Amino acid sequence: MAAAGDDVLYVALHEHNEAVSIHRRDLPDDPNPVLDLLASEAAPLQSWFDTAKAYLANGNVRAFRDIIADATSAELLRDMLQFFKKEPVFERMSMFCALAAYYIEAARAARDANERTSLLTEAEKYIKEAESLDTTNGELLPAMARAFLQMARGEQPAALATLKKAERRRHNGHVNHAPVLVQAAIEYSAGHITSAIDLYGKVLRANPHCPPEVRLGIAACYYRAGKVEAAAAAYNRVLELDAGNADALLGLAVIKFGSNDAQEGLNSGLQLLQRAYLADSTHPGVLCALSHFSLLKGEAEQALRLAQIANEGADTDRLRAVSLTLLGRCHHALGDMAAAQYHYAQAIRLDPKAPLPHLGTAQAYLGTGSDPTN
């Protein structure tokens, strides 16, 4: 079974020389009928993995975990060896790393410290399973999973060291620059912009036809370094490669908003922001920008809806902090000071150095006449 697009799965029927197609939205909540079909047709392990990922995309986490548990069982491994005469090492490794990635992401979202620790321990269990399959220490996936675990635990130096070693590894026999890109992202987050640019440039030199996202990283670095023209050129190059790239459109919009010609910059920036929204109406950064402008226009209810959607889709603590700050400002504008203070506090917890939630908290206390030290 392989994915045709993102929404259709195919199961090859070996005895009938045909295939059954299953649309992702038609997958039954109980995965057992699909698993019975996979087992009866001796589907390759990649088919099981595709099915597991489809269930995860549907939000059925239990089915995702159950399918991978079945697919990595000793019983199925024996069947695979008997039918295909070869152990599906890479596929099993991929599944263990996928489970680890799920638990790492769940840990990032966890608010309770004990729950977070438990989830990361569970992730490490599956990483060790993947590492045990990598008998030559040459496969990239387990090393990347290990690095992400270290990052989730706040062990940045260890993660960088793991990623540096992983540069020499291969992804199922193929060169892959993911370790360098993750190093670049870490350096960027740490404020080491020159190092980040060097790493992104290293990938670009190695593969001039790399995905547009690499140039997005370079553009963000240039912008943060104050090289606005270079950043705009990099964003425009991304749009040449992908005209509907919401990240590049948002980046250019931000640059336009900072233009010396305030009115022209505002008009151009809003046009770019509209294009970004049309390209991806769920993009958290775009939604945060739209929420901000809705607040400026006095449309607090609209701003609140946009900020709520942005917060639900935010995938980093920094972006969550921005959306939570906007939620605080929205509630503040609507006169709900308790909700405003709550969201400002949540934003500060995620990004203690961000000035706006601190300012909002102070204004909320002034508005209510309460004493924050009590």
Protein backbone atom coordinates (compact mmCIF):
# COMPACT_ATOMS: atom_id res chain seq x y z
CA MET A 1 0.00 0.00 0.00
CA ALA A 2 1.24 3.47 -0.82
CA ALA A 3 -0.21 6.89 -0.47
CA ALA A 4 -1.71 8.44 -3.60
CA GLY A 5 -1.69 12.08 -2.66
CA ASP A 6 -2.27 12.47 1.06
CA ASP A 7 -5.76 11.04 1.32
CA VAL A 8 -5.95 7.69 -0.52
CA LEU A 9 -4.34 4.39 0.47
CA TYR A 10 -3.98 1.36 -1.79
CA VAL A 11 -3.81 -2.27 -0.70
CA ALA A 12 -2.39 -4.60 -3.32
CA LEU A 13 -4.34 -7.88 -3.67
CA HIS A 14 -1.56 -10.31 -4.51
CA GLU A 15 -3.74 -13.17 -5.67
CA HIS A 16 -5.96 -11.01 -7.89
CA ASN A 17 -3.40 -8.66 -9.47
CA GLU A 18 -5.39 -5.61 -8.42
CA ALA A 19 -5.64 -3.15 -5.55
CA VAL A 20 -8.24 -1.84 -3.15
CA SER A 21 -8.28 1.92 -2.59
CA ILE A 22 -9.32 3.35 0.76
CA HIS A 23 -9.94 7.04 1.26
CA ARG A 24 -8.60 8.33 4.55
CA ARG A 25 -11.98 9.74 5.57
CA ASP A 26 -13.56 6.29 5.03
CA LEU A 27 -11.25 4.45 7.41
CA PRO A 28 -13.33 2.77 10.14
CA ASP A 29 -12.76 3.93 13.70
CA ASP A 30 -11.89 0.35 14.59
CA PRO A 31 -8.78 -0.48 12.51
CA ASN A 32 -9.17 -4.25 12.83
CA PRO A 33 -10.96 -4.78 9.46
CA VAL A 34 -8.17 -2.90 7.68
CA LEU A 35 -5.52 -4.82 9.62
CA ASP A 36 -7.19 -8.11 8.71
CA LEU A 37 -6.99 -7.09 5.05
CA LEU A 38 -3.31 -6.16 5.37
CA ALA A 39 -2.52 -9.46 7.08
CA SER A 40 -4.51 -11.62 4.66
CA GLU A 41 -2.85 -9.99 1.64
CA ALA A 42 0.65 -10.18 3.14
CA ALA A 43 1.02 -6.43 2.67
CA PRO A 44 4.56 -5.07 3.08
CA LEU A 45 5.33 -3.35 6.35
CA GLN A 46 5.33 0.08 4.69
CA SER A 47 1.62 -0.48 4.05
CA TRP A 48 1.02 -0.93 7.76
CA PHE A 49 2.98 2.25 8.43
CA ASP A 50 1.00 4.22 5.84
CA THR A 51 -2.22 3.02 7.47
CA ALA A 52 -0.99 3.99 10.94
CA LYS A 53 -0.09 7.48 9.72
CA ALA A 54 -3.50 7.83 8.04
CA TYR A 55 -5.23 7.04 11.34
CA LEU A 56 -3.02 9.56 13.13
CA ALA A 57 -3.92 12.19 10.52
CA ASN A 58 -7.57 11.42 11.32
CA GLY A 59 -6.88 12.08 14.99
CA ASN A 60 -7.24 8.43 16.00
CA VAL A 61 -4.15 8.16 18.18
CA ARG A 62 -5.12 4.84 19.74
CA ALA A 63 -5.41 3.20 16.32
CA PHE A 64 -2.04 4.68 15.32
CA ARG A 65 -0.37 3.16 18.36
CA ASP A 66 -2.19 -0.18 18.07
CA ILE A 67 -1.30 -0.60 14.40
CA ILE A 68 2.37 0.05 15.03
CA ALA A 69 2.32 -2.32 18.00
CA ASP A 70 0.91 -5.06 15.74
CA ALA A 71 3.23 -4.20 12.87
CA THR A 72 6.36 -4.42 15.04
CA SER A 73 5.33 -7.61 16.83
CA ALA A 74 7.48 -10.74 16.72
CA GLU A 75 4.57 -12.66 15.15
CA LEU A 76 4.27 -10.31 12.17
CA LEU A 77 8.04 -10.24 11.78
CA ARG A 78 8.05 -14.02 11.40
CA ASP A 79 5.33 -13.75 8.73
CA MET A 80 7.30 -11.06 6.89
CA LEU A 81 10.46 -13.15 6.92
CA GLN A 82 8.56 -16.17 5.62
CA PHE A 83 6.82 -14.28 2.82
CA PHE A 84 9.46 -11.73 1.74
CA LYS A 85 12.58 -13.67 2.81
CA LYS A 86 13.99 -10.44 4.25
CA GLU A 87 13.63 -8.55 7.50
CA PRO A 88 12.07 -5.07 6.97
CA VAL A 89 14.66 -3.36 9.16
CA PHE A 90 14.23 0.19 7.91
CA GLU A 91 10.44 0.03 8.06
CA ARG A 92 10.48 -1.27 11.66
CA MET A 93 13.00 1.41 12.58
CA SER A 94 10.76 4.06 11.00
CA MET A 95 7.79 2.88 13.03
CA PHE A 96 9.65 2.97 16.34
CA CYS A 97 10.92 6.46 15.53
CA ALA A 98 7.42 7.56 14.58
CA LEU A 99 6.12 6.41 17.95
CA ALA A 100 8.99 8.22 19.66
CA ALA A 101 8.18 11.39 17.70
CA TYR A 102 4.55 11.14 18.78
CA TYR A 103 5.50 10.93 22.46
CA ILE A 104 8.05 13.75 22.16
CA GLU A 105 5.43 16.01 20.61
CA ALA A 106 2.92 15.02 23.29
CA ALA A 107 5.53 15.91 25.93
CA ARG A 108 6.03 19.35 24.38
CA ALA A 109 2.31 20.01 24.76
CA ALA A 110 2.10 18.61 28.30
CA ARG A 111 1.70 21.15 31.07
CA ASP A 112 2.40 18.82 34.00
CA ALA A 113 6.11 18.19 34.64
CA ASN A 114 5.58 14.57 35.75
CA GLU A 115 3.47 13.81 32.68
CA ARG A 116 6.12 15.39 30.47
CA THR A 117 8.86 13.27 32.05
CA SER A 118 6.77 10.12 31.64
CA LEU A 119 6.08 10.84 27.96
CA LEU A 120 9.76 11.48 27.22
CA THR A 121 10.70 8.24 28.99
CA GLU A 122 8.22 6.41 26.76
CA ALA A 123 9.75 8.09 23.71
CA GLU A 124 13.23 6.97 24.74
CA LYS A 125 12.02 3.38 25.01
CA TYR A 126 11.09 3.37 21.33
CA ILE A 127 14.27 5.19 20.32
CA LYS A 128 16.26 2.42 21.98
CA GLU A 129 14.23 -0.13 20.01
CA ALA A 130 15.15 1.68 16.79
CA GLU A 131 18.80 1.99 17.82
CA SER A 132 18.94 -1.75 18.52
CA LEU A 133 18.03 -2.40 14.87
CA ASP A 134 20.81 -0.12 13.60
CA THR A 135 23.64 -2.61 13.94
CA THR A 136 26.07 -0.52 11.84
CA ASN A 137 25.28 2.83 13.52
CA GLY A 138 24.87 4.24 10.05
CA GLU A 139 21.13 4.95 9.86
CA LEU A 140 19.98 8.55 10.27
CA LEU A 141 16.50 8.12 11.78
CA PRO A 142 17.44 6.86 15.27
CA ALA A 143 20.08 9.58 15.61
CA MET A 144 17.57 12.28 14.65
CA ALA A 145 15.04 10.87 17.11
CA ARG A 146 17.70 10.88 19.83
CA ALA A 147 18.57 14.51 19.05
CA PHE A 148 14.92 15.59 19.23
CA LEU A 149 14.58 13.82 22.58
CA GLN A 150 17.62 15.68 23.87
CA MET A 151 16.17 18.96 22.65
CA ALA A 152 12.85 18.24 24.36
CA ARG A 153 14.78 17.65 27.59
CA GLY A 154 16.60 20.96 27.19
CA GLU A 155 19.92 19.26 26.48
CA GLN A 156 20.91 21.52 23.59
CA PRO A 157 24.70 20.89 23.63
CA ALA A 158 24.09 17.13 23.59
CA ALA A 159 21.57 17.52 20.77
CA LEU A 160 24.04 19.54 18.69
CA ALA A 161 26.73 16.91 19.25
CA THR A 162 24.33 14.13 18.19
CA LEU A 163 23.31 16.06 15.08
CA LYS A 164 26.93 16.76 14.17
CA LYS A 165 27.72 13.05 14.28
CA ALA A 166 24.53 12.28 12.35
CA GLU A 167 25.75 14.29 9.33
CA ARG A 168 27.76 11.24 8.26
CA ARG A 169 24.75 8.91 8.40
CA ARG A 170 22.36 7.99 5.60
CA HIS A 171 18.59 7.81 5.39
CA ASN A 172 17.91 4.31 4.09
CA GLY A 173 21.13 4.59 2.07
CA HIS A 174 20.51 8.13 0.80
CA VAL A 175 22.20 11.42 1.68
CA ASN A 176 19.99 13.62 3.83
CA HIS A 177 20.76 17.11 5.13
CA ALA A 178 18.24 17.10 7.98
CA PRO A 179 20.93 17.10 10.73
CA VAL A 180 22.47 20.29 9.33
CA LEU A 181 19.07 22.00 9.01
CA VAL A 182 18.15 21.18 12.60
CA GLN A 183 21.52 22.50 13.76
CA ALA A 184 20.79 25.71 11.84
CA ALA A 185 17.40 26.03 13.54
CA ILE A 186 18.97 25.54 16.98
CA GLU A 187 21.64 28.15 16.28
CA TYR A 188 18.98 30.58 15.05
CA SER A 189 16.90 30.07 18.19
CA ALA A 190 19.99 30.68 20.31
CA GLY A 191 20.66 33.96 18.50
CA HIS A 192 23.78 32.66 16.74
CA ILE A 193 22.70 34.08 13.40
CA THR A 194 26.05 33.89 11.59
CA SER A 195 26.41 30.20 12.46
CA ALA A 196 22.84 29.55 11.33
CA ILE A 197 23.43 31.28 7.97
CA ASP A 198 26.61 29.25 7.46
CA LEU A 199 24.73 26.01 8.09
CA TYR A 200 21.84 26.89 5.78
CA GLY A 201 24.40 27.91 3.15
CA LYS A 202 26.14 24.56 3.56
CA VAL A 203 22.92 22.76 2.65
CA LEU A 204 22.24 25.10 -0.27
CA ARG A 205 25.71 24.54 -1.69
CA ALA A 206 25.38 20.78 -1.33
CA ASN A 207 21.97 20.77 -2.98
CA PRO A 208 21.09 23.94 -4.99
CA HIS A 209 17.70 22.37 -5.77
CA CYS A 210 16.78 21.86 -2.12
CA PRO A 211 13.22 22.60 -0.95
CA PRO A 212 12.20 26.27 -0.63
CA GLU A 213 12.04 25.91 3.16
CA VAL A 214 15.85 26.08 3.31
CA ARG A 215 15.76 29.56 1.78
CA LEU A 216 13.06 30.47 4.30
CA GLY A 217 15.57 29.77 7.04
CA ILE A 218 18.15 31.98 5.35
CA ALA A 219 15.58 34.76 4.93
CA ALA A 220 14.63 34.62 8.61
CA CYS A 221 18.32 34.83 9.57
CA TYR A 222 18.93 37.85 7.35
CA TYR A 223 15.88 39.61 8.76
CA ARG A 224 16.92 38.97 12.34
CA ALA A 225 20.41 40.23 11.51
CA GLY A 226 18.92 43.47 10.21
CA LYS A 227 19.74 42.71 6.56
CA VAL A 228 16.26 43.52 5.33
CA GLU A 229 17.02 43.72 1.61
CA ALA A 230 18.76 40.35 1.68
CA ALA A 231 15.83 38.87 3.62
CA ALA A 232 13.33 40.24 1.09
CA ALA A 233 15.38 38.79 -1.78
CA ALA A 234 15.44 35.39 -0.10
CA TYR A 235 11.68 35.46 0.54
CA ASN A 236 11.05 36.44 -3.09
CA ARG A 237 13.25 33.56 -4.24
CA VAL A 238 11.07 31.22 -2.18
CA LEU A 239 7.98 32.60 -3.92
CA GLU A 240 9.61 32.02 -7.31
CA LEU A 241 9.88 28.37 -6.35
CA ASP A 242 6.52 28.17 -4.52
CA ALA A 243 4.13 31.04 -5.26
CA GLY A 244 1.74 30.00 -2.49
CA ASN A 245 4.27 29.74 0.32
CA ALA A 246 2.49 31.33 3.28
CA ASP A 247 5.68 31.66 5.34
CA ALA A 248 7.40 33.70 2.62
CA LEU A 249 4.33 35.87 2.09
CA LEU A 250 4.11 36.51 5.83
CA GLY A 251 7.81 37.34 5.99
CA LEU A 252 7.50 39.87 3.16
CA ALA A 253 4.40 41.33 4.81
CA VAL A 254 6.33 41.93 8.04
CA ILE A 255 9.10 43.62 6.04
CA LYS A 256 6.55 45.85 4.29
CA PHE A 257 4.98 46.84 7.62
CA GLY A 258 8.37 48.20 8.68
CA SER A 259 8.75 50.28 5.51
CA ASN A 260 9.73 53.96 5.75
CA ASP A 261 6.64 54.81 3.73
CA ALA A 262 4.10 53.85 6.38
CA GLN A 263 0.97 54.01 4.23
CA GLU A 264 2.43 52.18 1.22
CA GLY A 265 4.01 49.62 3.53
CA LEU A 266 0.72 49.04 5.33
CA ASN A 267 -1.21 48.61 2.08
CA SER A 268 1.38 46.27 0.54
CA GLY A 269 1.76 44.33 3.77
CA LEU A 270 -1.96 43.76 4.11
CA GLN A 271 -2.17 42.57 0.50
CA LEU A 272 0.61 40.06 1.17
CA LEU A 273 -1.10 39.00 4.38
CA GLN A 274 -4.32 38.40 2.46
CA ARG A 275 -2.44 36.27 -0.08
CA ALA A 276 -0.87 34.31 2.77
CA TYR A 277 -4.28 33.66 4.32
CA LEU A 278 -5.68 32.50 0.97
CA ALA A 279 -2.68 30.19 0.59
CA ASP A 280 -3.09 28.70 4.09
CA SER A 281 -6.05 29.78 6.21
CA THR A 282 -4.78 27.75 9.19
CA HIS A 283 -1.24 29.21 9.33
CA PRO A 284 -0.76 30.28 12.98
CA GLY A 285 1.63 33.13 12.17
CA VAL A 286 -0.71 34.56 9.55
CA LEU A 287 -3.67 34.24 11.91
CA CYS A 288 -1.75 36.03 14.67
CA ALA A 289 -0.95 38.90 12.31
CA LEU A 290 -4.59 39.15 11.22
CA SER A 291 -5.71 39.03 14.86
CA HIS A 292 -3.36 41.92 15.66
CA PHE A 293 -4.79 44.06 12.85
CA SER A 294 -8.34 43.17 13.83
CA LEU A 295 -7.57 44.48 17.32
CA LEU A 296 -6.19 47.69 15.86
CA LYS A 297 -9.44 48.11 13.93
CA GLY A 298 -11.46 47.63 17.11
CA GLU A 299 -12.81 44.23 16.03
CA ALA A 300 -12.03 42.40 19.26
CA GLU A 301 -14.45 39.50 18.70
CA GLN A 302 -12.95 38.76 15.27
CA ALA A 303 -9.45 39.10 16.71
CA LEU A 304 -10.36 36.64 19.48
CA ARG A 305 -11.57 34.00 16.99
CA LEU A 306 -8.40 34.33 14.92
CA ALA A 307 -6.15 34.13 17.97
CA GLN A 308 -7.97 31.03 19.26
CA ILE A 309 -7.45 29.22 15.95
CA ALA A 310 -3.81 30.34 15.88
CA ASN A 311 -3.24 29.02 19.41
CA GLU A 312 -4.75 25.65 18.54
CA GLY A 313 -2.40 25.29 15.56
CA ALA A 314 0.76 26.78 17.10
CA ASP A 315 3.61 24.26 17.07
CA THR A 316 6.29 26.12 19.04
CA ASP A 317 6.34 27.67 22.49
CA ARG A 318 7.22 31.05 21.03
CA LEU A 319 4.24 31.03 18.68
CA ARG A 320 1.96 29.77 21.44
CA ALA A 321 3.16 32.67 23.58
CA VAL A 322 2.34 35.15 20.81
CA SER A 323 -1.16 33.71 20.34
CA LEU A 324 -1.76 33.63 24.10
CA THR A 325 -0.69 37.27 24.35
CA LEU A 326 -3.18 38.12 21.61
CA LEU A 327 -5.88 36.20 23.48
CA GLY A 328 -5.04 38.24 26.56
CA ARG A 329 -5.28 41.49 24.59
CA CYS A 330 -8.61 40.41 23.08
CA HIS A 331 -10.13 39.61 26.48
CA HIS A 332 -8.64 42.84 27.78
CA ALA A 333 -10.37 44.79 25.01
CA LEU A 334 -13.63 42.99 25.74
CA GLY A 335 -13.42 43.88 29.44
CA ASP A 336 -12.79 40.36 30.78
CA MET A 337 -9.77 41.14 32.97
CA ALA A 338 -9.63 37.72 34.65
CA ALA A 339 -9.34 35.96 31.29
CA ALA A 340 -6.83 38.56 30.11
CA GLN A 341 -4.60 38.03 33.16
CA TYR A 342 -4.82 34.25 32.76
CA HIS A 343 -3.68 34.32 29.13
CA TYR A 344 -0.92 36.86 29.81
CA ALA A 345 0.37 34.57 32.59
CA GLN A 346 0.35 31.56 30.26
CA ALA A 347 2.26 33.54 27.64
CA ILE A 348 4.87 34.63 30.19
CA ARG A 349 5.33 31.02 31.30
CA LEU A 350 6.15 29.99 27.73
CA ASP A 351 8.28 33.02 26.86
CA PRO A 352 9.43 34.88 30.00
CA LYS A 353 11.46 37.43 28.01
CA ALA A 354 8.56 38.58 25.81
CA PRO A 355 7.68 42.17 26.83
CA LEU A 356 4.05 42.38 25.65
CA PRO A 357 2.45 39.90 28.08
CA HIS A 358 4.27 41.62 30.97
CA LEU A 359 2.95 44.97 29.77
CA GLY A 360 -0.53 43.53 29.37
CA THR A 361 -0.42 42.09 32.89
CA ALA A 362 0.57 45.46 34.33
CA GLN A 363 -2.21 47.22 32.43
CA ALA A 364 -4.75 44.62 33.57
CA TYR A 365 -3.74 45.12 37.21
CA LEU A 366 -4.01 48.89 36.79
CA GLY A 367 -7.43 48.43 35.23
CA THR A 368 -8.73 46.35 38.13
CA GLY A 369 -6.85 48.19 40.87
CA SER A 370 -5.52 44.87 42.20
CA ASP A 371 -2.10 44.30 43.72
CA PRO A 372 -0.08 41.62 41.83
CA THR A 373 2.08 40.99 44.94
CA ASN A 374 -0.90 39.72 46.96
